[in-house]
């Protein structure tokens, strides 16, 4: 049920700093995540990179940071911040789905959440 713990930590994500074409989010609890769960980072990348203009997402577990690099010619900082909030909200709203099916039917969970993200992306 560690995936459940990871999702529960989404509410604690805060903007640490903003630079030109880079937003750094602070997530202190990243330091608590064992290395074997590092593979789930890809879902965060996939979710954030759905927004056109996101160039890269880097997770620094040791320092508890998520760095989002974007192209300001394609997407504005405000939109990146709004999208990050949407990704966080969708993750939190699917807490029970992840708990129930995350271990035995991860593909179903991913497809369900991706559909919700795609729907939300239309409204950004």
N, C-alpha and C. Protein backbone atom coordinates (compact mmCIF):
# COMPACT_ATOMS: atom_id res chain seq x y z
N UNK A 1 0.81 -1.21 0.00
CA UNK A 1 0.00 0.00 0.00
C UNK A 1 0.85 1.27 0.00
N UNK A 2 2.09 1.14 -0.43
CA UNK A 2 2.96 2.30 -0.44
C UNK A 2 2.52 3.31 -1.48
N UNK A 3 1.89 2.85 -2.58
CA UNK A 3 1.37 3.78 -3.59
C UNK A 3 0.35 4.70 -2.95
N UNK A 4 -0.42 4.16 -2.03
CA UNK A 4 -1.42 4.95 -1.30
C UNK A 4 -0.71 6.06 -0.51
N UNK A 5 0.39 5.73 0.11
CA UNK A 5 1.17 6.73 0.85
C UNK A 5 1.66 7.83 -0.08
N UNK A 6 2.17 7.42 -1.26
CA UNK A 6 2.67 8.39 -2.22
C UNK A 6 1.57 9.36 -2.62
N UNK A 7 0.40 8.84 -2.94
CA UNK A 7 -0.72 9.70 -3.34
C UNK A 7 -1.12 10.61 -2.19
N UNK A 8 -1.12 10.11 -0.97
CA UNK A 8 -1.52 10.94 0.18
C UNK A 8 -0.57 12.12 0.37
N UNK A 9 0.65 11.99 -0.12
CA UNK A 9 1.63 13.06 0.03
C UNK A 9 1.45 14.17 -1.01
N UNK A 10 0.63 13.94 -2.02
CA UNK A 10 0.43 14.95 -3.05
C UNK A 10 -0.07 16.28 -2.48
N UNK A 11 -0.88 16.19 -1.45
CA UNK A 11 -1.43 17.43 -0.88
C UNK A 11 -0.35 18.29 -0.24
N UNK A 12 0.83 17.73 -0.02
CA UNK A 12 1.90 18.47 0.64
C UNK A 12 2.88 19.12 -0.34
N UNK A 13 2.60 19.01 -1.63
CA UNK A 13 3.48 19.61 -2.64
C UNK A 13 3.29 21.13 -2.63
N UNK A 14 4.40 21.84 -2.56
CA UNK A 14 4.39 23.31 -2.55
C UNK A 14 5.41 23.84 -3.54
N UNK A 15 5.16 25.02 -4.10
CA UNK A 15 6.13 25.66 -4.98
C UNK A 15 7.27 26.19 -4.11
N UNK A 16 8.49 25.74 -4.41
CA UNK A 16 9.67 26.20 -3.67
C UNK A 16 10.28 27.42 -4.33
N UNK A 17 10.35 27.40 -5.67
CA UNK A 17 10.89 28.56 -6.39
C UNK A 17 10.49 28.50 -7.85
N UNK A 18 10.57 29.67 -8.47
CA UNK A 18 10.26 29.80 -9.89
C UNK A 18 11.41 30.55 -10.54
N UNK A 19 11.89 30.02 -11.65
CA UNK A 19 12.92 30.66 -12.43
C UNK A 19 12.42 30.71 -13.87
N UNK A 20 13.22 31.29 -14.74
CA UNK A 20 12.83 31.33 -16.15
C UNK A 20 12.72 29.91 -16.68
N UNK A 21 11.54 29.55 -17.09
CA UNK A 21 11.22 28.25 -17.68
C UNK A 21 11.48 27.06 -16.75
N UNK A 22 11.43 27.30 -15.46
CA UNK A 22 11.65 26.22 -14.49
C UNK A 22 10.85 26.52 -13.21
N UNK A 23 10.14 25.51 -12.74
CA UNK A 23 9.43 25.60 -11.47
C UNK A 23 9.91 24.45 -10.61
N UNK A 24 10.28 24.77 -9.38
CA UNK A 24 10.76 23.76 -8.45
C UNK A 24 9.72 23.59 -7.35
N UNK A 25 9.22 22.37 -7.22
CA UNK A 25 8.25 22.04 -6.19
C UNK A 25 8.97 21.33 -5.06
N UNK A 26 8.59 21.62 -3.84
CA UNK A 26 9.17 20.98 -2.66
C UNK A 26 8.19 19.92 -2.15
N UNK A 27 8.72 18.71 -1.97
CA UNK A 27 7.94 17.59 -1.46
C UNK A 27 8.84 16.87 -0.47
N UNK A 28 8.84 17.32 0.75
CA UNK A 28 9.75 16.76 1.76
C UNK A 28 9.62 15.25 1.91
N UNK A 29 8.43 14.73 1.74
CA UNK A 29 8.20 13.29 1.94
C UNK A 29 8.84 12.43 0.85
N UNK A 30 9.33 13.02 -0.23
CA UNK A 30 10.01 12.22 -1.26
C UNK A 30 11.19 11.47 -0.67
N UNK A 31 11.81 12.07 0.33
CA UNK A 31 12.97 11.46 0.98
C UNK A 31 12.61 10.15 1.66
N UNK A 32 11.35 9.97 1.99
CA UNK A 32 10.89 8.78 2.71
C UNK A 32 10.55 7.60 1.79
N UNK A 33 10.53 7.85 0.49
CA UNK A 33 10.12 6.82 -0.46
C UNK A 33 11.30 5.90 -0.77
N UNK A 34 11.13 4.60 -0.52
CA UNK A 34 12.21 3.65 -0.81
C UNK A 34 12.54 3.61 -2.31
N UNK A 35 13.76 3.28 -2.62
CA UNK A 35 14.25 3.25 -4.00
C UNK A 35 13.42 2.34 -4.91
N UNK A 36 12.87 1.26 -4.37
CA UNK A 36 12.11 0.34 -5.23
C UNK A 36 10.83 0.96 -5.78
N UNK A 37 10.40 2.08 -5.21
CA UNK A 37 9.20 2.75 -5.71
C UNK A 37 9.53 3.86 -6.70
N UNK A 38 10.80 4.03 -6.99
CA UNK A 38 11.26 5.05 -7.93
C UNK A 38 10.64 4.83 -9.31
N UNK A 39 10.33 3.57 -9.64
CA UNK A 39 9.75 3.26 -10.95
C UNK A 39 8.42 3.98 -11.19
N UNK A 40 7.72 4.37 -10.13
CA UNK A 40 6.43 5.03 -10.29
C UNK A 40 6.56 6.50 -10.68
N UNK A 41 7.79 7.01 -10.69
CA UNK A 41 8.02 8.38 -11.15
C UNK A 41 7.50 8.57 -12.56
N UNK A 42 7.58 7.52 -13.35
CA UNK A 42 7.18 7.64 -14.76
C UNK A 42 5.73 8.10 -14.91
N UNK A 43 4.89 7.73 -13.95
CA UNK A 43 3.49 8.16 -14.02
C UNK A 43 3.37 9.67 -13.80
N UNK A 44 4.19 10.19 -12.93
CA UNK A 44 4.22 11.64 -12.71
C UNK A 44 4.71 12.34 -13.97
N UNK A 45 5.77 11.81 -14.58
CA UNK A 45 6.28 12.40 -15.83
C UNK A 45 5.19 12.40 -16.89
N UNK A 46 4.55 11.25 -17.08
CA UNK A 46 3.51 11.12 -18.10
C UNK A 46 2.38 12.12 -17.87
N UNK A 47 1.99 12.26 -16.62
CA UNK A 47 0.88 13.17 -16.31
C UNK A 47 1.27 14.62 -16.58
N UNK A 48 2.40 15.05 -16.07
CA UNK A 48 2.81 16.44 -16.26
C UNK A 48 3.12 16.76 -17.72
N UNK A 49 3.73 15.82 -18.43
CA UNK A 49 4.13 16.07 -19.81
C UNK A 49 2.96 16.03 -20.79
N UNK A 50 1.76 15.75 -20.32
CA UNK A 50 0.59 15.85 -21.18
C UNK A 50 0.35 17.31 -21.62
N UNK A 51 0.79 18.24 -20.81
CA UNK A 51 0.63 19.66 -21.14
C UNK A 51 1.70 20.03 -22.17
N UNK A 52 1.25 20.50 -23.31
CA UNK A 52 2.18 20.89 -24.37
C UNK A 52 3.08 22.02 -23.86
N UNK A 53 4.38 21.85 -24.05
CA UNK A 53 5.34 22.85 -23.60
C UNK A 53 6.17 22.40 -22.42
N UNK A 54 5.73 21.33 -21.74
CA UNK A 54 6.55 20.77 -20.66
C UNK A 54 7.68 20.00 -21.34
N UNK A 55 8.92 20.41 -21.07
CA UNK A 55 10.07 19.79 -21.73
C UNK A 55 10.66 18.66 -20.91
N UNK A 56 10.65 18.80 -19.59
CA UNK A 56 11.28 17.78 -18.76
C UNK A 56 10.73 17.86 -17.34
N UNK A 57 10.76 16.73 -16.67
CA UNK A 57 10.38 16.64 -15.27
C UNK A 57 11.48 15.83 -14.59
N UNK A 58 12.05 16.39 -13.55
CA UNK A 58 13.12 15.71 -12.82
C UNK A 58 12.71 15.58 -11.36
N UNK A 59 12.88 14.39 -10.84
CA UNK A 59 12.56 14.14 -9.44
C UNK A 59 13.87 13.95 -8.69
N UNK A 60 14.07 14.74 -7.64
CA UNK A 60 15.25 14.65 -6.79
C UNK A 60 14.77 14.17 -5.43
N UNK A 61 14.80 12.85 -5.25
CA UNK A 61 14.27 12.26 -4.02
C UNK A 61 15.11 12.63 -2.80
N UNK A 62 16.41 12.71 -2.97
CA UNK A 62 17.29 13.04 -1.84
C UNK A 62 16.98 14.40 -1.23
N UNK A 63 16.67 15.37 -2.10
CA UNK A 63 16.41 16.73 -1.63
C UNK A 63 14.92 17.06 -1.58
N UNK A 64 14.07 16.10 -1.96
CA UNK A 64 12.63 16.30 -1.89
C UNK A 64 12.13 17.37 -2.85
N UNK A 65 12.59 17.30 -4.11
CA UNK A 65 12.20 18.32 -5.09
C UNK A 65 11.74 17.67 -6.39
N UNK A 66 10.79 18.34 -7.02
CA UNK A 66 10.37 17.99 -8.38
C UNK A 66 10.61 19.24 -9.21
N UNK A 67 11.39 19.11 -10.26
CA UNK A 67 11.72 20.24 -11.13
C UNK A 67 10.98 20.06 -12.45
N UNK A 68 10.20 21.07 -12.83
CA UNK A 68 9.47 21.05 -14.09
C UNK A 68 10.09 22.11 -14.99
N UNK A 69 10.57 21.69 -16.14
CA UNK A 69 11.18 22.59 -17.11
C UNK A 69 10.22 22.70 -18.29
N UNK A 70 9.95 23.94 -18.70
CA UNK A 70 8.96 24.16 -19.76
C UNK A 70 9.47 25.20 -20.75
N UNK A 71 8.83 25.23 -21.91
CA UNK A 71 9.15 26.18 -22.96
C UNK A 71 8.15 27.33 -22.88
N UNK A 72 8.63 28.49 -22.48
CA UNK A 72 7.72 29.64 -22.29
C UNK A 72 7.17 30.18 -23.61
N UNK A 73 7.74 29.78 -24.73
CA UNK A 73 7.18 30.17 -26.03
C UNK A 73 5.92 29.37 -26.35
N UNK A 74 5.77 28.23 -25.67
CA UNK A 74 4.61 27.36 -25.92
C UNK A 74 3.58 27.46 -24.80
N UNK A 75 4.05 27.54 -23.55
CA UNK A 75 3.14 27.54 -22.40
C UNK A 75 3.64 28.54 -21.36
N UNK A 76 2.73 29.23 -20.76
CA UNK A 76 3.07 30.22 -19.73
C UNK A 76 3.17 29.56 -18.35
N UNK A 77 3.93 30.21 -17.49
CA UNK A 77 4.16 29.70 -16.13
C UNK A 77 2.85 29.44 -15.39
N UNK A 78 1.90 30.36 -15.52
CA UNK A 78 0.62 30.22 -14.82
C UNK A 78 -0.10 28.94 -15.23
N UNK A 79 0.00 28.59 -16.51
CA UNK A 79 -0.66 27.39 -17.02
C UNK A 79 0.04 26.13 -16.49
N UNK A 80 1.36 26.18 -16.40
CA UNK A 80 2.11 25.05 -15.85
C UNK A 80 1.71 24.83 -14.38
N UNK A 81 1.62 25.92 -13.63
CA UNK A 81 1.22 25.83 -12.22
C UNK A 81 -0.21 25.29 -12.09
N UNK A 82 -1.08 25.76 -12.96
CA UNK A 82 -2.47 25.29 -12.93
C UNK A 82 -2.53 23.79 -13.26
N UNK A 83 -1.74 23.38 -14.26
CA UNK A 83 -1.73 21.97 -14.64
C UNK A 83 -1.18 21.09 -13.50
N UNK A 84 -0.15 21.57 -12.84
CA UNK A 84 0.41 20.82 -11.70
C UNK A 84 -0.66 20.63 -10.63
N UNK A 85 -1.47 21.65 -10.39
CA UNK A 85 -2.57 21.54 -9.43
C UNK A 85 -3.61 20.52 -9.88
N UNK A 86 -3.91 20.51 -11.19
CA UNK A 86 -4.87 19.55 -11.73
C UNK A 86 -4.34 18.12 -11.56
N UNK A 87 -3.07 17.90 -11.88
CA UNK A 87 -2.47 16.57 -11.73
C UNK A 87 -2.54 16.13 -10.27
N UNK A 88 -2.24 17.04 -9.38
CA UNK A 88 -2.32 16.76 -7.95
C UNK A 88 -3.75 16.40 -7.54
N UNK A 89 -4.71 17.19 -7.99
CA UNK A 89 -6.12 16.97 -7.66
C UNK A 89 -6.61 15.62 -8.18
N UNK A 90 -6.26 15.29 -9.41
CA UNK A 90 -6.69 14.01 -10.00
C UNK A 90 -6.08 12.85 -9.22
N UNK A 91 -4.81 12.98 -8.84
CA UNK A 91 -4.18 11.94 -8.03
C UNK A 91 -4.88 11.73 -6.70
N UNK A 92 -5.17 12.83 -6.03
CA UNK A 92 -5.84 12.77 -4.73
C UNK A 92 -7.26 12.20 -4.88
N UNK A 93 -7.96 12.64 -5.91
CA UNK A 93 -9.34 12.17 -6.13
C UNK A 93 -9.41 10.68 -6.46
N UNK A 94 -8.30 10.11 -6.91
CA UNK A 94 -8.26 8.69 -7.26
C UNK A 94 -7.58 7.83 -6.20
N UNK A 95 -7.45 8.38 -5.04
CA UNK A 95 -6.82 7.70 -3.90
C UNK A 95 -7.44 6.31 -3.67
N UNK A 96 -8.76 6.24 -3.63
CA UNK A 96 -9.44 4.96 -3.38
C UNK A 96 -9.26 3.99 -4.54
N UNK A 97 -9.31 4.49 -5.77
CA UNK A 97 -9.09 3.64 -6.95
C UNK A 97 -7.70 3.02 -6.90
N UNK A 98 -6.72 3.83 -6.58
CA UNK A 98 -5.33 3.36 -6.50
C UNK A 98 -5.19 2.32 -5.39
N UNK A 99 -5.83 2.59 -4.27
CA UNK A 99 -5.77 1.65 -3.15
C UNK A 99 -6.40 0.32 -3.53
N UNK A 100 -7.54 0.37 -4.20
CA UNK A 100 -8.28 -0.85 -4.51
C UNK A 100 -7.64 -1.67 -5.64
N UNK A 101 -7.18 -1.00 -6.70
CA UNK A 101 -6.71 -1.72 -7.89
C UNK A 101 -5.22 -1.56 -8.20
N UNK A 102 -4.53 -0.69 -7.47
CA UNK A 102 -3.14 -0.38 -7.79
C UNK A 102 -2.20 -1.57 -7.80
N UNK A 103 -2.43 -2.51 -6.91
CA UNK A 103 -1.54 -3.68 -6.83
C UNK A 103 -1.88 -4.74 -7.86
N UNK A 104 -3.17 -4.92 -8.13
CA UNK A 104 -3.54 -6.05 -8.98
C UNK A 104 -3.95 -5.67 -10.40
N UNK A 105 -4.24 -4.40 -10.66
CA UNK A 105 -4.64 -4.00 -12.01
C UNK A 105 -4.15 -2.58 -12.29
N UNK A 106 -2.85 -2.42 -12.29
CA UNK A 106 -2.24 -1.10 -12.48
C UNK A 106 -2.61 -0.50 -13.83
N UNK A 107 -2.73 -1.33 -14.87
CA UNK A 107 -3.08 -0.84 -16.20
C UNK A 107 -4.45 -0.15 -16.18
N UNK A 108 -5.40 -0.74 -15.49
CA UNK A 108 -6.74 -0.13 -15.36
C UNK A 108 -6.65 1.23 -14.66
N UNK A 109 -5.88 1.29 -13.60
CA UNK A 109 -5.71 2.54 -12.85
C UNK A 109 -5.10 3.62 -13.74
N UNK A 110 -4.04 3.26 -14.45
CA UNK A 110 -3.35 4.22 -15.31
C UNK A 110 -4.29 4.73 -16.40
N UNK A 111 -5.00 3.82 -17.06
CA UNK A 111 -5.92 4.23 -18.13
C UNK A 111 -7.04 5.13 -17.60
N UNK A 112 -7.56 4.81 -16.44
CA UNK A 112 -8.62 5.62 -15.84
C UNK A 112 -8.13 7.03 -15.53
N UNK A 113 -6.97 7.12 -14.91
CA UNK A 113 -6.42 8.43 -14.55
C UNK A 113 -6.01 9.21 -15.79
N UNK A 114 -5.43 8.54 -16.77
CA UNK A 114 -5.05 9.24 -18.00
C UNK A 114 -6.27 9.83 -18.71
N UNK A 115 -7.37 9.10 -18.71
CA UNK A 115 -8.62 9.61 -19.32
C UNK A 115 -9.07 10.87 -18.59
N UNK A 116 -9.03 10.84 -17.26
CA UNK A 116 -9.42 12.01 -16.48
C UNK A 116 -8.49 13.20 -16.76
N UNK A 117 -7.20 12.93 -16.85
CA UNK A 117 -6.24 14.00 -17.15
C UNK A 117 -6.49 14.58 -18.54
N UNK A 118 -6.75 13.71 -19.52
CA UNK A 118 -7.05 14.18 -20.87
C UNK A 118 -8.28 15.07 -20.87
N UNK A 119 -9.31 14.68 -20.11
CA UNK A 119 -10.52 15.49 -20.02
C UNK A 119 -10.22 16.84 -19.36
N UNK A 120 -9.43 16.83 -18.31
CA UNK A 120 -9.07 18.07 -17.62
C UNK A 120 -8.21 18.98 -18.50
N UNK A 121 -7.38 18.38 -19.30
CA UNK A 121 -6.47 19.14 -20.18
C UNK A 121 -7.27 19.99 -21.17
N UNK A 122 -8.42 19.52 -21.57
CA UNK A 122 -9.27 20.28 -22.49
C UNK A 122 -9.76 21.59 -21.87
N UNK A 123 -9.78 21.65 -20.54
CA UNK A 123 -10.30 22.83 -19.84
C UNK A 123 -9.22 23.77 -19.35
N UNK A 124 -7.97 23.45 -19.63
CA UNK A 124 -6.85 24.29 -19.15
C UNK A 124 -6.64 25.44 -20.12
